[in-house]
Amino acid sequence: MMQALKSHSDEDQLNAWEAAVSSWVDGEAEIRPEELDSPYGRQVWDTYHLIGDVMRTDALAIRTSDRFYARLSKAIDEEPTVLAPSAMKRPLVQRYGVSGLAVVAAVAAALWVGLPYMGVTSVPGTLVASAQDDQLWNDYADLHRDFVGTGPVRHVSFESGALGQ
């Protein structure tokens, strides 16, 4: 078990180091040449430069042939199928209980906010309309209409002689 954890940690360090080399090649970080003194370091450095050169220049790119596509298809077909475990089934209490709890909480919050207003029992008085209120409303509507206009049709206009000139 410890060997598996150690190899996983080594693999993570290697991936982080290769990502650092990639950022050096791209000019995103300062190069640390002492880390490239090993044969593997030089090989990775050269590989990343080759990748960059191929990406920038079409003349360096390898032209693929039908044989390459056939080999690639065969290799993909021969890849082992990864069988992932199916999702664990959750108990119905957990699945529906949590959503039911959310509904109950929402109803309780609505009642808590609205209950004080529902408890007021007052008899509404007789409402009497007044002409003064209508006049105020009409004045407001006229001012609003003057400010906004009556709609987009009002904004579209033309002059009869403008097209002929």
Protein backbone atom coordinates (compact mmCIF):
# COMPACT_ATOMS: atom_id res chain seq x y z
CA MET A 1 0.00 0.00 0.00
CA MET A 2 2.81 2.39 0.89
CA GLN A 3 4.53 1.62 -2.42
CA ALA A 4 1.35 2.57 -4.32
CA LEU A 5 1.07 5.85 -2.40
CA LYS A 6 4.75 6.60 -2.99
CA SER A 7 4.50 5.92 -6.74
CA HIS A 8 1.35 8.07 -6.94
CA SER A 9 3.17 10.90 -5.15
CA ASP A 10 6.18 10.51 -7.48
CA GLU A 11 3.87 10.64 -10.50
CA ASP A 12 2.24 13.83 -9.20
CA GLN A 13 5.67 15.42 -8.70
CA LEU A 14 6.71 14.39 -12.21
CA ASN A 15 3.55 15.88 -13.71
CA ALA A 16 4.09 19.11 -11.76
CA TRP A 17 7.71 19.26 -12.95
CA GLU A 18 6.69 18.71 -16.59
CA ALA A 19 4.04 21.44 -16.21
CA ALA A 20 6.79 23.74 -14.91
CA VAL A 21 8.95 22.92 -17.95
CA SER A 22 5.98 23.70 -20.20
CA SER A 23 5.54 27.08 -18.53
CA TRP A 24 9.29 27.78 -18.95
CA VAL A 25 9.09 26.99 -22.67
CA ASP A 26 6.01 29.21 -23.04
CA GLY A 27 7.79 32.06 -21.25
CA GLU A 28 5.27 32.08 -18.39
CA ALA A 29 7.83 31.37 -15.66
CA GLU A 30 11.52 31.94 -15.05
CA ILE A 31 13.71 29.05 -16.19
CA ARG A 32 15.63 27.09 -13.54
CA PRO A 33 18.48 25.53 -15.57
CA GLU A 34 19.75 23.43 -12.65
CA GLU A 35 16.62 21.29 -12.95
CA LEU A 36 17.42 20.51 -16.58
CA ASP A 37 20.93 19.07 -15.95
CA SER A 38 19.78 15.43 -16.13
CA PRO A 39 19.38 13.49 -19.39
CA TYR A 40 15.64 13.21 -18.71
CA GLY A 41 15.40 16.97 -18.11
CA ARG A 42 17.11 17.72 -21.41
CA GLN A 43 14.87 15.21 -23.20
CA VAL A 44 11.71 16.84 -21.79
CA TRP A 45 13.05 20.31 -22.67
CA ASP A 46 13.77 19.22 -26.26
CA THR A 47 10.39 17.48 -26.55
CA TYR A 48 8.47 20.56 -25.43
CA HIS A 49 10.42 22.74 -27.87
CA LEU A 50 9.69 20.27 -30.68
CA ILE A 51 5.99 20.34 -29.80
CA GLY A 52 6.01 24.15 -29.87
CA ASP A 53 7.85 24.23 -33.21
CA VAL A 54 5.37 21.80 -34.77
CA MET A 55 2.42 23.81 -33.46
CA ARG A 56 3.84 27.03 -34.94
CA THR A 57 5.04 25.64 -38.31
CA ASP A 58 2.93 23.44 -40.58
CA ALA A 59 6.01 22.33 -42.53
CA LEU A 60 7.29 20.41 -39.48
CA ALA A 61 4.02 18.61 -38.88
CA ILE A 62 3.83 14.97 -39.93
CA ARG A 63 1.35 14.29 -42.69
CA THR A 64 -0.97 11.52 -41.64
CA SER A 65 -1.68 8.64 -43.98
CA ASP A 66 -4.50 6.14 -44.24
CA ARG A 67 -2.24 3.53 -42.61
CA PHE A 68 -1.86 5.81 -39.59
CA TYR A 69 -5.62 6.20 -39.26
CA ALA A 70 -6.05 2.42 -39.58
CA ARG A 71 -3.44 1.77 -36.87
CA LEU A 72 -5.05 4.40 -34.64
CA SER A 73 -8.51 2.88 -35.08
CA LYS A 74 -7.14 -0.58 -34.33
CA ALA A 75 -5.37 0.68 -31.20
CA ILE A 76 -8.54 2.37 -29.98
CA ASP A 77 -10.55 -0.79 -30.62
CA GLU A 78 -8.03 -2.84 -28.65
CA GLU A 79 -8.12 -0.51 -25.65
CA PRO A 80 -9.63 -2.21 -22.62
CA THR A 81 -13.06 -1.04 -21.61
CA VAL A 82 -13.07 0.73 -18.27
CA LEU A 83 -15.93 -0.59 -16.23
CA ALA A 84 -16.89 2.06 -13.75
CA PRO A 85 -19.06 1.03 -10.84
CA SER A 86 -22.69 2.05 -11.06
CA ALA A 87 -23.95 4.84 -8.89
CA MET A 88 -24.96 3.84 -5.42
CA LYS A 89 -28.68 3.80 -4.89
CA ARG A 90 -29.73 6.15 -2.16
CA PRO A 91 -32.54 5.18 0.14
CA LEU A 92 -35.89 6.75 -0.69
CA VAL A 93 -35.98 8.46 2.69
CA GLN A 94 -32.78 10.32 1.88
CA ARG A 95 -33.82 11.07 -1.70
CA TYR A 96 -37.33 12.36 -1.04
CA GLY A 97 -36.96 13.32 2.61
CA VAL A 98 -34.51 16.14 1.94
CA SER A 99 -36.66 17.69 -0.77
CA GLY A 100 -39.74 17.36 1.43
CA LEU A 101 -37.86 19.06 4.23
CA ALA A 102 -37.06 21.96 1.90
CA VAL A 103 -40.74 22.33 0.99
CA VAL A 104 -41.75 22.32 4.65
CA ALA A 105 -39.11 24.97 5.43
CA ALA A 106 -40.37 27.19 2.59
CA VAL A 107 -43.99 26.92 3.73
CA ALA A 108 -42.98 27.64 7.33
CA ALA A 109 -41.04 30.73 6.25
CA ALA A 110 -43.98 32.00 4.20
CA LEU A 111 -46.36 31.46 7.12
CA TRP A 112 -43.98 33.12 9.54
CA VAL A 113 -43.80 36.22 7.35
CA GLY A 114 -47.47 36.31 6.36
CA LEU A 115 -49.17 35.23 9.58
CA PRO A 116 -49.04 38.64 11.31
CA TYR A 117 -50.91 40.16 8.39
CA MET A 118 -53.49 37.40 8.26
CA GLY A 119 -54.43 37.77 11.91
CA VAL A 120 -55.65 41.37 11.54
CA THR A 121 -59.42 41.33 11.35
CA SER A 122 -60.81 44.72 10.56
CA VAL A 123 -64.01 45.51 8.79
CA PRO A 124 -63.30 47.50 5.67
CA GLY A 125 -65.18 50.75 5.49
CA THR A 126 -67.22 51.87 2.54
CA LEU A 127 -65.02 53.20 -0.20
CA VAL A 128 -66.15 56.40 -1.81
CA ALA A 129 -64.66 57.51 -5.08
CA SER A 130 -63.97 61.18 -5.38
CA ALA A 131 -63.70 63.29 -8.49
CA GLN A 132 -60.56 64.88 -7.07
CA ASP A 133 -58.77 61.50 -7.14
CA ASP A 134 -59.74 61.00 -10.79
CA GLN A 135 -58.42 64.42 -11.71
CA LEU A 136 -55.10 63.71 -9.98
CA TRP A 137 -54.87 60.39 -11.81
CA ASN A 138 -55.62 62.03 -15.14
CA ASP A 139 -52.98 64.72 -14.53
CA TYR A 140 -50.45 62.01 -13.68
CA ALA A 141 -51.32 59.99 -16.78
CA ASP A 142 -51.03 63.09 -19.01
CA LEU A 143 -47.63 63.98 -17.58
CA HIS A 144 -46.46 60.41 -18.00
CA ARG A 145 -47.67 60.30 -21.61
CA ASP A 146 -45.86 63.57 -22.34
CA PHE A 147 -42.67 62.21 -20.83
CA VAL A 148 -42.71 58.74 -22.39
CA GLY A 149 -44.80 59.19 -25.49
CA THR A 150 -47.58 56.96 -26.67
CA GLY A 151 -45.42 54.19 -28.07
CA PRO A 152 -42.96 53.33 -30.81
CA VAL A 153 -45.36 54.31 -33.62
CA ARG A 154 -45.28 57.89 -32.44
CA HIS A 155 -41.49 57.98 -32.77
CA VAL A 156 -41.55 56.81 -36.39
CA SER A 157 -42.29 59.62 -38.79
CA PHE A 158 -41.33 60.81 -42.22
CA GLU A 159 -41.42 63.97 -44.22
CA SER A 160 -43.25 63.77 -47.50
CA GLY A 161 -40.52 65.43 -49.56
CA ALA A 162 -37.53 63.67 -47.94
CA LEU A 163 -37.49 60.59 -50.20
CA GLY A 164 -37.73 62.45 -53.48
CA GLN A 165 -34.67 64.64 -52.91
